[in-house]
Amino acid sequence: MKVLLINGSPHQKGNTYVALAEIAAQLEKSGIGSEIVWIGNKPVRGCIACGRCRTGIEGCAFDDDVCNGFSAKMKEADALVVGSPVYYGQPNGALLAVMQRMFYSNGDAFRGKPAASVAVCRRGGATAVFQALNMPFQMLNMPIVSSQYWNIVYGGAPGQAALDAEGLQTMRTLATNMAALLTATDARPAPGSPEPWTPTNFIR
């Protein structure tokens, strides 16, 4: 089994990486493989609601950034962890853009697979980021893996997250819980709803 971890920070080996690396190391102790991929520091596109991904093409129509590559990796993975730094009480905007395009254009690669999010901050705003990152998981029937506390790690200067003993313990507990869910195959829900989707809006 394998977990894909997305480093949503423009800093490849910064504090978000420290948090995700702790998860990866603990997963390995439980016999679960992992891969940390990096969003990079080049521009990424936002969704323009063109609808081309609904016309039979493979993935997102924009194929010049990391979106489709991450989706392809997720097709082979069994679970997902997404980590982001906190910017003004929000996740990294580039990460949100990639997530929205991945989930919309390649939802089947993610649907039904366990997921978790990690927020990394200097001081505040982490709970808002944590909640925002979890929102799309629930729309794809992805069981959200919890820990002993909200999945938050603190650190300002590069590498400072390594000093957050409780935060790193939270990451290890998250990994242990993820491994337990992945190996308890009888307890994993089937992807999708047992009922046909009934979309409803409030415009009559």
N, C-alpha and C. Protein backbone atom coordinates (compact mmCIF):
# COMPACT_ATOMS: atom_id res chain seq x y z
N MET A 1 0.83 -1.20 0.00
CA MET A 1 0.00 0.00 0.00
C MET A 1 0.87 1.25 0.00
N LYS A 2 0.27 2.35 -0.46
CA LYS A 2 1.06 3.57 -0.63
C LYS A 2 0.19 4.79 -0.36
N VAL A 3 0.79 5.77 0.31
CA VAL A 3 0.13 7.03 0.60
C VAL A 3 0.85 8.13 -0.17
N LEU A 4 0.09 8.96 -0.88
CA LEU A 4 0.66 10.11 -1.56
C LEU A 4 0.54 11.32 -0.65
N LEU A 5 1.66 12.00 -0.43
CA LEU A 5 1.70 13.20 0.41
C LEU A 5 2.07 14.39 -0.47
N ILE A 6 1.22 15.40 -0.48
CA ILE A 6 1.45 16.59 -1.30
C ILE A 6 1.96 17.72 -0.43
N ASN A 7 3.18 18.18 -0.73
CA ASN A 7 3.76 19.33 -0.06
C ASN A 7 3.30 20.58 -0.79
N GLY A 8 2.35 21.28 -0.19
CA GLY A 8 1.76 22.45 -0.84
C GLY A 8 2.47 23.75 -0.53
N SER A 9 3.72 23.68 -0.09
CA SER A 9 4.50 24.89 0.19
C SER A 9 5.43 25.19 -0.97
N PRO A 10 5.67 26.47 -1.28
CA PRO A 10 6.66 26.79 -2.31
C PRO A 10 8.09 26.48 -1.87
N HIS A 11 8.28 26.19 -0.58
CA HIS A 11 9.61 25.82 -0.07
C HIS A 11 9.69 24.29 -0.03
N GLN A 12 10.56 23.72 -0.82
CA GLN A 12 10.59 22.26 -0.97
C GLN A 12 10.93 21.54 0.33
N LYS A 13 11.84 22.07 1.12
CA LYS A 13 12.28 21.39 2.33
C LYS A 13 12.06 22.27 3.57
N GLY A 14 10.94 22.98 3.57
CA GLY A 14 10.62 23.84 4.71
C GLY A 14 9.84 23.10 5.78
N ASN A 15 9.06 23.83 6.56
CA ASN A 15 8.37 23.24 7.69
C ASN A 15 7.23 22.31 7.30
N THR A 16 6.58 22.57 6.18
CA THR A 16 5.55 21.65 5.71
C THR A 16 6.17 20.30 5.38
N TYR A 17 7.33 20.34 4.76
CA TYR A 17 8.04 19.09 4.46
C TYR A 17 8.41 18.34 5.74
N VAL A 18 8.84 19.07 6.77
CA VAL A 18 9.21 18.42 8.03
C VAL A 18 8.02 17.64 8.58
N ALA A 19 6.84 18.25 8.53
CA ALA A 19 5.63 17.57 9.03
C ALA A 19 5.30 16.34 8.20
N LEU A 20 5.34 16.48 6.88
CA LEU A 20 5.00 15.35 6.01
C LEU A 20 6.04 14.24 6.11
N ALA A 21 7.31 14.60 6.26
CA ALA A 21 8.36 13.59 6.39
C ALA A 21 8.18 12.77 7.66
N GLU A 22 7.68 13.41 8.71
CA GLU A 22 7.42 12.68 9.95
C GLU A 22 6.32 11.64 9.73
N ILE A 23 5.30 12.03 8.98
CA ILE A 23 4.22 11.09 8.65
C ILE A 23 4.76 9.94 7.82
N ALA A 24 5.56 10.26 6.81
CA ALA A 24 6.10 9.22 5.92
C ALA A 24 6.95 8.22 6.69
N ALA A 25 7.77 8.72 7.62
CA ALA A 25 8.63 7.83 8.40
C ALA A 25 7.81 6.90 9.27
N GLN A 26 6.74 7.41 9.85
CA GLN A 26 5.89 6.58 10.70
C GLN A 26 5.10 5.56 9.87
N LEU A 27 4.67 5.96 8.70
CA LEU A 27 3.98 5.03 7.81
C LEU A 27 4.89 3.85 7.46
N GLU A 28 6.15 4.16 7.21
CA GLU A 28 7.11 3.11 6.87
C GLU A 28 7.24 2.10 8.01
N LYS A 29 7.22 2.59 9.25
CA LYS A 29 7.31 1.68 10.40
C LYS A 29 6.11 0.75 10.46
N SER A 30 4.99 1.19 9.87
CA SER A 30 3.78 0.36 9.85
C SER A 30 3.67 -0.47 8.58
N GLY A 31 4.72 -0.43 7.76
CA GLY A 31 4.73 -1.21 6.54
C GLY A 31 3.97 -0.60 5.39
N ILE A 32 3.72 0.71 5.45
CA ILE A 32 2.99 1.42 4.40
C ILE A 32 3.97 2.30 3.64
N GLY A 33 4.01 2.18 2.33
CA GLY A 33 4.87 3.02 1.52
C GLY A 33 4.31 4.42 1.37
N SER A 34 5.15 5.34 0.93
CA SER A 34 4.69 6.71 0.75
C SER A 34 5.56 7.42 -0.28
N GLU A 35 5.04 8.51 -0.79
CA GLU A 35 5.79 9.39 -1.69
C GLU A 35 5.39 10.82 -1.40
N ILE A 36 6.38 11.68 -1.18
CA ILE A 36 6.12 13.11 -1.00
C ILE A 36 6.37 13.82 -2.32
N VAL A 37 5.35 14.47 -2.83
CA VAL A 37 5.49 15.25 -4.06
C VAL A 37 5.37 16.73 -3.70
N TRP A 38 5.99 17.56 -4.49
CA TRP A 38 6.09 18.99 -4.18
C TRP A 38 5.35 19.81 -5.23
N ILE A 39 4.58 20.78 -4.76
CA ILE A 39 3.83 21.62 -5.69
C ILE A 39 4.76 22.51 -6.51
N GLY A 40 5.96 22.77 -5.99
CA GLY A 40 6.92 23.59 -6.72
C GLY A 40 6.73 25.07 -6.47
N ASN A 41 7.52 25.86 -7.16
CA ASN A 41 7.42 27.32 -7.02
C ASN A 41 7.22 28.01 -8.36
N LYS A 42 6.65 27.26 -9.30
CA LYS A 42 6.30 27.85 -10.59
C LYS A 42 4.79 28.09 -10.63
N PRO A 43 4.33 28.98 -11.52
CA PRO A 43 2.89 29.28 -11.55
C PRO A 43 2.05 28.05 -11.84
N VAL A 44 0.88 27.98 -11.20
CA VAL A 44 -0.10 26.95 -11.50
C VAL A 44 -1.40 27.65 -11.90
N ARG A 45 -2.17 26.96 -12.66
CA ARG A 45 -3.42 27.55 -13.16
C ARG A 45 -4.59 27.26 -12.23
N GLY A 46 -5.53 28.18 -12.21
CA GLY A 46 -6.79 27.94 -11.53
C GLY A 46 -7.81 27.39 -12.51
N CYS A 47 -8.84 26.77 -11.98
CA CYS A 47 -9.90 26.25 -12.84
C CYS A 47 -10.65 27.42 -13.49
N ILE A 48 -10.90 27.30 -14.79
CA ILE A 48 -11.65 28.34 -15.51
C ILE A 48 -13.05 27.84 -15.90
N ALA A 49 -13.46 26.70 -15.32
CA ALA A 49 -14.80 26.15 -15.57
C ALA A 49 -15.07 25.95 -17.06
N CYS A 50 -14.03 25.49 -17.78
CA CYS A 50 -14.20 25.28 -19.22
C CYS A 50 -15.01 24.03 -19.54
N GLY A 51 -15.02 23.07 -18.61
CA GLY A 51 -15.79 21.85 -18.80
C GLY A 51 -15.17 20.81 -19.72
N ARG A 52 -13.96 21.06 -20.19
CA ARG A 52 -13.36 20.10 -21.12
C ARG A 52 -13.08 18.76 -20.47
N CYS A 53 -12.84 18.76 -19.16
CA CYS A 53 -12.60 17.49 -18.48
C CYS A 53 -13.86 16.64 -18.41
N ARG A 54 -14.98 17.18 -18.81
CA ARG A 54 -16.23 16.43 -18.84
C ARG A 54 -16.59 15.98 -20.25
N THR A 55 -15.65 16.18 -21.19
CA THR A 55 -15.93 15.83 -22.58
C THR A 55 -15.15 14.61 -23.04
N GLY A 56 -14.55 13.90 -22.10
CA GLY A 56 -13.85 12.68 -22.47
C GLY A 56 -12.35 12.79 -22.55
N ILE A 57 -11.79 14.00 -22.37
CA ILE A 57 -10.34 14.12 -22.39
C ILE A 57 -9.79 13.57 -21.08
N GLU A 58 -8.53 13.20 -21.05
CA GLU A 58 -7.91 12.64 -19.86
C GLU A 58 -7.42 13.76 -18.96
N GLY A 59 -8.06 13.93 -17.81
CA GLY A 59 -7.62 14.92 -16.83
C GLY A 59 -8.01 16.34 -17.18
N CYS A 60 -7.29 17.28 -16.54
CA CYS A 60 -7.55 18.70 -16.75
C CYS A 60 -7.04 19.15 -18.10
N ALA A 61 -7.75 20.09 -18.72
CA ALA A 61 -7.34 20.60 -20.04
C ALA A 61 -5.98 21.29 -19.97
N PHE A 62 -5.67 21.90 -18.83
CA PHE A 62 -4.36 22.52 -18.64
C PHE A 62 -3.37 21.43 -18.22
N ASP A 63 -2.39 21.19 -19.06
CA ASP A 63 -1.44 20.12 -18.78
C ASP A 63 -0.02 20.66 -18.67
N ASP A 64 0.12 21.89 -18.18
CA ASP A 64 1.44 22.51 -18.11
C ASP A 64 1.87 22.81 -16.69
N ASP A 65 1.23 22.14 -15.71
CA ASP A 65 1.69 22.26 -14.33
C ASP A 65 1.53 20.90 -13.65
N VAL A 66 1.52 20.87 -12.33
CA VAL A 66 1.60 19.60 -11.60
C VAL A 66 0.27 18.87 -11.46
N CYS A 67 -0.83 19.48 -11.84
CA CYS A 67 -2.16 18.93 -11.55
C CYS A 67 -2.33 17.50 -12.06
N ASN A 68 -2.20 17.30 -13.35
CA ASN A 68 -2.45 15.98 -13.92
C ASN A 68 -1.42 14.95 -13.46
N GLY A 69 -0.20 15.40 -13.20
CA GLY A 69 0.81 14.48 -12.69
C GLY A 69 0.46 13.96 -11.31
N PHE A 70 -0.05 14.85 -10.45
CA PHE A 70 -0.47 14.41 -9.12
C PHE A 70 -1.64 13.44 -9.23
N SER A 71 -2.58 13.74 -10.12
CA SER A 71 -3.74 12.86 -10.28
C SER A 71 -3.31 11.47 -10.75
N ALA A 72 -2.35 11.44 -11.66
CA ALA A 72 -1.87 10.15 -12.16
C ALA A 72 -1.23 9.34 -11.02
N LYS A 73 -0.49 10.01 -10.16
CA LYS A 73 0.11 9.31 -9.03
C LYS A 73 -0.96 8.82 -8.06
N MET A 74 -2.03 9.60 -7.93
CA MET A 74 -3.08 9.22 -7.00
C MET A 74 -3.85 7.99 -7.49
N LYS A 75 -3.88 7.77 -8.77
CA LYS A 75 -4.54 6.57 -9.29
C LYS A 75 -3.88 5.31 -8.76
N GLU A 76 -2.58 5.39 -8.47
CA GLU A 76 -1.83 4.23 -7.98
C GLU A 76 -1.72 4.22 -6.46
N ALA A 77 -2.16 5.29 -5.80
CA ALA A 77 -2.03 5.39 -4.35
C ALA A 77 -3.32 4.95 -3.67
N ASP A 78 -3.19 4.63 -2.38
CA ASP A 78 -4.34 4.15 -1.60
C ASP A 78 -4.90 5.21 -0.66
N ALA A 79 -4.15 6.28 -0.44
CA ALA A 79 -4.59 7.33 0.48
C ALA A 79 -3.83 8.61 0.17
N LEU A 80 -4.32 9.71 0.75
CA LEU A 80 -3.78 11.04 0.44
C LEU A 80 -3.59 11.85 1.71
N VAL A 81 -2.48 12.59 1.77
CA VAL A 81 -2.26 13.60 2.80
C VAL A 81 -1.83 14.88 2.09
N VAL A 82 -2.49 15.98 2.42
CA VAL A 82 -2.17 17.27 1.81
C VAL A 82 -1.71 18.23 2.90
N GLY A 83 -0.53 18.82 2.72
CA GLY A 83 0.00 19.76 3.69
C GLY A 83 0.15 21.14 3.10
N SER A 84 -0.16 22.16 3.91
CA SER A 84 -0.06 23.54 3.43
C SER A 84 0.44 24.46 4.52
N PRO A 85 1.23 25.47 4.14
CA PRO A 85 1.51 26.55 5.08
C PRO A 85 0.27 27.43 5.20
N VAL A 86 0.28 28.28 6.21
CA VAL A 86 -0.83 29.20 6.45
C VAL A 86 -0.48 30.56 5.88
N TYR A 87 -1.31 31.04 4.97
CA TYR A 87 -1.15 32.38 4.40
C TYR A 87 -2.41 33.19 4.71
N TYR A 88 -2.31 34.16 5.59
CA TYR A 88 -3.45 35.00 5.95
C TYR A 88 -4.65 34.16 6.38
N GLY A 89 -4.41 33.12 7.15
CA GLY A 89 -5.48 32.27 7.63
C GLY A 89 -6.08 31.37 6.58
N GLN A 90 -5.37 31.21 5.45
CA GLN A 90 -5.87 30.39 4.35
C GLN A 90 -4.75 29.47 3.85
N PRO A 91 -5.11 28.37 3.15
CA PRO A 91 -4.07 27.55 2.53
C PRO A 91 -3.38 28.32 1.41
N ASN A 92 -2.22 27.85 1.02
CA ASN A 92 -1.53 28.40 -0.15
C ASN A 92 -2.49 28.41 -1.33
N GLY A 93 -2.66 29.56 -1.98
CA GLY A 93 -3.60 29.68 -3.08
C GLY A 93 -3.29 28.76 -4.24
N ALA A 94 -2.01 28.56 -4.52
CA ALA A 94 -1.63 27.66 -5.61
C ALA A 94 -2.06 26.24 -5.30
N LEU A 95 -1.92 25.83 -4.05
CA LEU A 95 -2.35 24.49 -3.67
C LEU A 95 -3.86 24.33 -3.83
N LEU A 96 -4.62 25.32 -3.40
CA LEU A 96 -6.07 25.25 -3.57
C LEU A 96 -6.46 25.12 -5.03
N ALA A 97 -5.77 25.88 -5.90
CA ALA A 97 -6.07 25.81 -7.33
C ALA A 97 -5.83 24.41 -7.87
N VAL A 98 -4.72 23.80 -7.47
CA VAL A 98 -4.40 22.45 -7.94
C VAL A 98 -5.41 21.44 -7.39
N MET A 99 -5.74 21.57 -6.12
CA MET A 99 -6.69 20.63 -5.52
C MET A 99 -8.05 20.70 -6.20
N GLN A 100 -8.53 21.89 -6.45
CA GLN A 100 -9.84 22.04 -7.09
C GLN A 100 -9.84 21.41 -8.47
N ARG A 101 -8.78 21.61 -9.22
CA ARG A 101 -8.72 21.02 -10.57
C ARG A 101 -8.55 19.51 -10.51
N MET A 102 -7.73 19.01 -9.58
CA MET A 102 -7.55 17.56 -9.46
C MET A 102 -8.87 16.87 -9.13
N PHE A 103 -9.55 17.37 -8.13
CA PHE A 103 -10.75 16.70 -7.67
C PHE A 103 -11.86 16.76 -8.71
N TYR A 104 -11.94 17.87 -9.43
CA TYR A 104 -13.01 18.00 -10.42
C TYR A 104 -12.73 17.20 -11.68
N SER A 105 -11.49 17.23 -12.14
CA SER A 105 -11.18 16.58 -13.42
C SER A 105 -10.80 15.12 -13.27
N ASN A 106 -10.38 14.70 -12.08
CA ASN A 106 -9.93 13.32 -11.87
C ASN A 106 -10.49 12.76 -10.57
N GLY A 107 -11.74 13.04 -10.29
CA GLY A 107 -12.34 12.64 -9.03
C GLY A 107 -12.26 11.15 -8.75
N ASP A 108 -12.34 10.33 -9.80
CA ASP A 108 -12.32 8.88 -9.58
C ASP A 108 -10.99 8.39 -9.01
N ALA A 109 -9.92 9.15 -9.22
CA ALA A 109 -8.62 8.75 -8.67
C ALA A 109 -8.57 8.95 -7.16
N PHE A 110 -9.46 9.76 -6.62
CA PHE A 110 -9.45 10.10 -5.20
C PHE A 110 -10.62 9.50 -4.43
N ARG A 111 -11.72 9.27 -5.12
CA ARG A 111 -12.97 8.92 -4.47
C ARG A 111 -12.84 7.66 -3.60
N GLY A 112 -13.31 7.78 -2.35
CA GLY A 112 -13.35 6.64 -1.45
C GLY A 112 -12.05 6.33 -0.73
N LYS A 113 -10.97 7.05 -1.04
CA LYS A 113 -9.68 6.76 -0.42
C LYS A 113 -9.48 7.62 0.84
N PRO A 114 -8.91 7.05 1.89
CA PRO A 114 -8.68 7.83 3.11
C PRO A 114 -7.82 9.07 2.84
N ALA A 115 -8.09 10.14 3.57
CA ALA A 115 -7.37 11.39 3.34
C ALA A 115 -7.18 12.13 4.66
N ALA A 116 -6.19 13.00 4.67
CA ALA A 116 -5.94 13.86 5.82
C ALA A 116 -5.26 15.13 5.34
N SER A 117 -5.39 16.19 6.13
CA SER A 117 -4.72 17.44 5.82
C SER A 117 -3.84 17.86 6.99
N VAL A 118 -2.84 18.66 6.67
CA VAL A 118 -1.90 19.15 7.67
C VAL A 118 -1.69 20.65 7.44
N ALA A 119 -1.80 21.43 8.50
CA ALA A 119 -1.58 22.87 8.42
C ALA A 119 -0.33 23.23 9.22
N VAL A 120 0.50 24.08 8.64
CA VAL A 120 1.75 24.48 9.28
C VAL A 120 1.78 26.00 9.37
N CYS A 121 2.01 26.52 10.57
CA CYS A 121 1.96 27.97 10.73
C CYS A 121 2.99 28.46 11.74
N ARG A 122 3.23 29.76 11.70
CA ARG A 122 4.11 30.37 12.68
C ARG A 122 3.39 30.57 13.99
N ARG A 123 2.10 31.03 13.90
CA ARG A 123 1.39 31.37 15.14
C ARG A 123 -0.10 31.07 15.07
N GLY A 124 -0.83 31.61 14.07
CA GLY A 124 -2.29 31.46 14.05
C GLY A 124 -2.82 31.16 12.66
N GLY A 125 -4.11 30.88 12.59
CA GLY A 125 -4.77 30.61 11.32
C GLY A 125 -4.79 29.16 10.90
N ALA A 126 -4.15 28.29 11.69
CA ALA A 126 -4.00 26.90 11.25
C ALA A 126 -5.32 26.15 11.24
N THR A 127 -6.22 26.42 12.20
CA THR A 127 -7.46 25.67 12.23
C THR A 127 -8.33 25.99 11.02
N ALA A 128 -8.30 27.25 10.57
CA ALA A 128 -9.07 27.62 9.38
C ALA A 128 -8.52 26.91 8.15
N VAL A 129 -7.20 26.81 8.04
CA VAL A 129 -6.58 26.11 6.92
C VAL A 129 -6.91 24.63 6.98
N PHE A 130 -6.83 24.05 8.16
CA PHE A 130 -7.16 22.63 8.36
C PHE A 130 -8.57 22.33 7.90
N GLN A 131 -9.51 23.18 8.27
CA GLN A 131 -10.90 22.98 7.88
C GLN A 131 -11.09 23.14 6.37
N ALA A 132 -10.45 24.14 5.79
CA ALA A 132 -10.59 24.36 4.35
C ALA A 132 -10.05 23.19 3.54
N LEU A 133 -8.92 22.63 3.96
CA LEU A 133 -8.34 21.51 3.22
C LEU A 133 -9.18 20.25 3.34
N ASN A 134 -9.91 20.10 4.43
CA ASN A 134 -10.74 18.90 4.61
C ASN A 134 -12.04 18.94 3.82
N MET A 135 -12.49 20.13 3.45
CA MET A 135 -13.81 20.26 2.82
C MET A 135 -13.99 19.40 1.57
N PRO A 136 -13.07 19.42 0.60
CA PRO A 136 -13.31 18.64 -0.62
C PRO A 136 -13.28 17.13 -0.39
N PHE A 137 -12.57 16.67 0.64
CA PHE A 137 -12.53 15.23 0.89
C PHE A 137 -13.94 14.68 1.11
N GLN A 138 -14.76 15.46 1.79
CA GLN A 138 -16.10 14.99 2.14
C GLN A 138 -17.01 14.91 0.92
N MET A 139 -16.69 15.65 -0.12
CA MET A 139 -17.50 15.60 -1.34
C MET A 139 -17.12 14.43 -2.23
N LEU A 140 -16.02 13.75 -1.90
CA LEU A 140 -15.58 12.60 -2.69
C LEU A 140 -15.59 11.31 -1.86
N ASN A 141 -16.41 11.31 -0.80
CA ASN A 141 -16.54 10.11 0.04
C ASN A 141 -15.20 9.61 0.55
N MET A 142 -14.28 10.52 0.84
CA MET A 142 -12.96 10.15 1.33
C MET A 142 -12.98 10.17 2.86
N PRO A 143 -12.81 9.03 3.52
CA PRO A 143 -12.78 9.03 4.98
C PRO A 143 -11.64 9.91 5.49
N ILE A 144 -11.95 10.82 6.39
CA ILE A 144 -10.94 11.74 6.92
C ILE A 144 -10.27 11.10 8.14
N VAL A 145 -8.96 10.97 8.07
CA VAL A 145 -8.20 10.33 9.13
C VAL A 145 -7.81 11.38 10.17
N SER A 146 -8.13 11.09 11.40
CA SER A 146 -7.85 12.04 12.48
C SER A 146 -6.60 11.65 13.25
N SER A 147 -6.28 12.46 14.25
CA SER A 147 -5.12 12.20 15.10
C SER A 147 -5.51 12.49 16.54
N GLN A 148 -4.54 12.72 17.40
CA GLN A 148 -4.81 13.01 18.80
C GLN A 148 -5.17 14.47 19.01
N TYR A 149 -4.98 15.28 17.97
CA TYR A 149 -5.25 16.71 18.02
C TYR A 149 -5.46 17.13 16.58
N TRP A 150 -5.84 18.37 16.34
CA TRP A 150 -5.89 18.83 14.96
C TRP A 150 -4.50 18.71 14.34
N ASN A 151 -4.46 18.41 13.06
CA ASN A 151 -3.18 18.15 12.38
C ASN A 151 -2.45 19.46 12.09
N ILE A 152 -1.82 19.99 13.12
CA ILE A 152 -1.16 21.29 13.05
C ILE A 152 0.27 21.15 13.57
N VAL A 153 1.19 21.77 12.86
CA VAL A 153 2.58 21.84 13.31
C VAL A 153 3.00 23.31 13.27
N TYR A 154 3.74 23.73 14.29
CA TYR A 154 4.17 25.12 14.38
C TYR A 154 5.65 25.26 14.04
N GLY A 155 5.95 26.34 13.31
CA GLY A 155 7.33 26.65 12.98
C GLY A 155 7.39 27.88 12.12
N GLY A 156 8.31 28.78 12.41
CA GLY A 156 8.46 29.99 11.63
C GLY A 156 9.64 29.90 10.69
N ALA A 157 10.84 29.92 11.24
CA ALA A 157 12.05 29.81 10.42
C ALA A 157 12.14 28.42 9.80
N PRO A 158 12.79 28.30 8.65
CA PRO A 158 12.90 26.99 7.99
C PRO A 158 13.46 25.92 8.93
N GLY A 159 12.77 24.80 9.00
CA GLY A 159 13.20 23.69 9.84
C GLY A 159 12.77 23.78 11.28
N GLN A 160 12.17 24.89 11.67
CA GLN A 160 11.80 25.09 13.08
C GLN A 160 10.70 24.13 13.53
N ALA A 161 9.93 23.61 12.58
CA ALA A 161 8.87 22.66 12.93
C ALA A 161 9.43 21.42 13.61
N ALA A 162 10.69 21.11 13.37
CA ALA A 162 11.31 19.95 14.01
C ALA A 162 11.39 20.10 15.52
N LEU A 163 11.20 21.32 16.03
CA LEU A 163 11.24 21.57 17.47
C LEU A 163 9.87 21.45 18.13
N ASP A 164 8.81 21.31 17.32
CA ASP A 164 7.46 21.21 17.85
C ASP A 164 7.17 19.76 18.21
N ALA A 165 7.51 19.38 19.44
CA ALA A 165 7.40 17.98 19.86
C ALA A 165 5.97 17.47 19.78
N GLU A 166 5.02 18.27 20.23
CA GLU A 166 3.63 17.81 20.20
C GLU A 166 3.11 17.73 18.76
N GLY A 167 3.50 18.71 17.95
CA GLY A 167 3.07 18.68 16.56
C GLY A 167 3.57 17.45 15.83
N LEU A 168 4.82 17.09 16.04
CA LEU A 168 5.37 15.90 15.38
C LEU A 168 4.74 14.63 15.92
N GLN A 169 4.43 14.62 17.21
CA GLN A 169 3.72 13.47 17.76
C GLN A 169 2.34 13.34 17.12
N THR A 170 1.69 14.45 16.89
CA THR A 170 0.39 14.44 16.21
C THR A 170 0.52 13.86 14.81
N MET A 171 1.62 14.18 14.13
CA MET A 171 1.84 13.63 12.79
C MET A 171 2.04 12.11 12.85
N ARG A 172 2.78 11.65 13.85
CA ARG A 172 3.01 10.20 13.97
C ARG A 172 1.71 9.46 14.29
N THR A 173 0.90 10.06 15.15
CA THR A 173 -0.39 9.43 15.47
C THR A 173 -1.29 9.40 14.25
N LEU A 174 -1.27 10.48 13.48
CA LEU A 174 -2.02 10.50 12.22
C LEU A 174 -1.59 9.36 11.31
N ALA A 175 -0.29 9.17 11.17
CA ALA A 175 0.23 8.10 10.31
C ALA A 175 -0.18 6.73 10.82
N THR A 176 -0.13 6.55 12.13
CA THR A 176 -0.52 5.27 12.72
C THR A 176 -2.00 4.99 12.46
N ASN A 177 -2.83 6.01 12.61
CA ASN A 177 -4.26 5.85 12.33
C ASN A 177 -4.53 5.58 10.86
N MET A 178 -3.77 6.25 9.99
CA MET A 178 -3.91 6.02 8.56
C MET A 178 -3.56 4.58 8.22
N ALA A 179 -2.46 4.09 8.78
CA ALA A 179 -2.05 2.71 8.51
C ALA A 179 -3.09 1.72 9.01
N ALA A 180 -3.66 1.99 10.18
CA ALA A 180 -4.67 1.10 10.73
C ALA A 180 -5.90 1.03 9.82
N LEU A 181 -6.31 2.18 9.29
CA LEU A 181 -7.48 2.19 8.40
C LEU A 181 -7.18 1.48 7.09
N LEU A 182 -5.98 1.70 6.57
CA LEU A 182 -5.63 1.07 5.29
C LEU A 182 -5.54 -0.45 5.41
N THR A 183 -5.09 -0.94 6.54
CA THR A 183 -4.92 -2.38 6.69
C THR A 183 -6.20 -3.07 7.16
N ALA A 184 -7.13 -2.30 7.72
CA ALA A 184 -8.42 -2.87 8.12
C ALA A 184 -9.38 -2.80 6.93
N THR A 185 -9.11 -3.60 5.91
CA THR A 185 -9.84 -3.48 4.64
C THR A 185 -11.33 -3.70 4.80
N ASP A 186 -11.75 -4.53 5.75
CA ASP A 186 -13.17 -4.79 5.93
C ASP A 186 -13.91 -3.57 6.44
N ALA A 187 -13.15 -2.64 7.05
CA ALA A 187 -13.78 -1.45 7.63
C ALA A 187 -13.82 -0.28 6.66
N ARG A 188 -13.15 -0.41 5.52
CA ARG A 188 -13.10 0.71 4.57
C ARG A 188 -14.41 0.79 3.80
N PRO A 189 -15.02 1.96 3.73
CA PRO A 189 -16.28 2.09 3.01
C PRO A 189 -16.08 1.96 1.51
N ALA A 190 -17.10 1.48 0.85
CA ALA A 190 -17.05 1.43 -0.61
C ALA A 190 -17.16 2.85 -1.15
N PRO A 191 -16.43 3.18 -2.22
CA PRO A 191 -16.50 4.54 -2.75
C PRO A 191 -17.86 4.84 -3.33
N GLY A 192 -18.30 6.06 -3.09
CA GLY A 192 -19.56 6.48 -3.67
C GLY A 192 -20.74 6.22 -2.76
N SER A 193 -21.85 6.78 -3.11
CA SER A 193 -23.08 6.62 -2.34
C SER A 193 -23.85 5.41 -2.85
N PRO A 194 -24.53 4.67 -1.96
CA PRO A 194 -25.34 3.55 -2.44
C PRO A 194 -26.59 4.00 -3.18
N GLU A 195 -26.86 5.29 -3.13
CA GLU A 195 -28.03 5.83 -3.82
C GLU A 195 -27.61 6.71 -4.99
N PRO A 196 -28.43 6.81 -6.02
CA PRO A 196 -28.13 7.75 -7.11
C PRO A 196 -28.05 9.18 -6.56
N TRP A 197 -27.14 9.95 -7.12
CA TRP A 197 -26.97 11.33 -6.69
C TRP A 197 -28.22 12.14 -7.00
N THR A 198 -28.66 12.93 -6.03
CA THR A 198 -29.84 13.77 -6.23
C THR A 198 -29.43 15.23 -6.04
N PRO A 199 -28.93 15.88 -7.07
CA PRO A 199 -28.50 17.28 -6.92
C PRO A 199 -29.72 18.20 -6.78
N THR A 200 -29.61 19.14 -5.87
CA THR A 200 -30.69 20.08 -5.62
C THR A 200 -30.10 21.47 -5.46
N ASN A 201 -30.71 22.45 -6.08
CA ASN A 201 -30.32 23.82 -5.81
C ASN A 201 -31.55 24.62 -5.38
N PHE A 202 -31.36 25.88 -5.11
CA PHE A 202 -32.44 26.67 -4.55
C PHE A 202 -32.91 27.76 -5.51
N ILE A 203 -32.63 27.54 -6.79
CA ILE A 203 -33.11 28.47 -7.82
C ILE A 203 -34.27 27.79 -8.53
N ARG A 204 -35.42 28.38 -8.46
CA ARG A 204 -36.61 27.76 -9.05
C ARG A 204 -37.08 28.54 -10.27
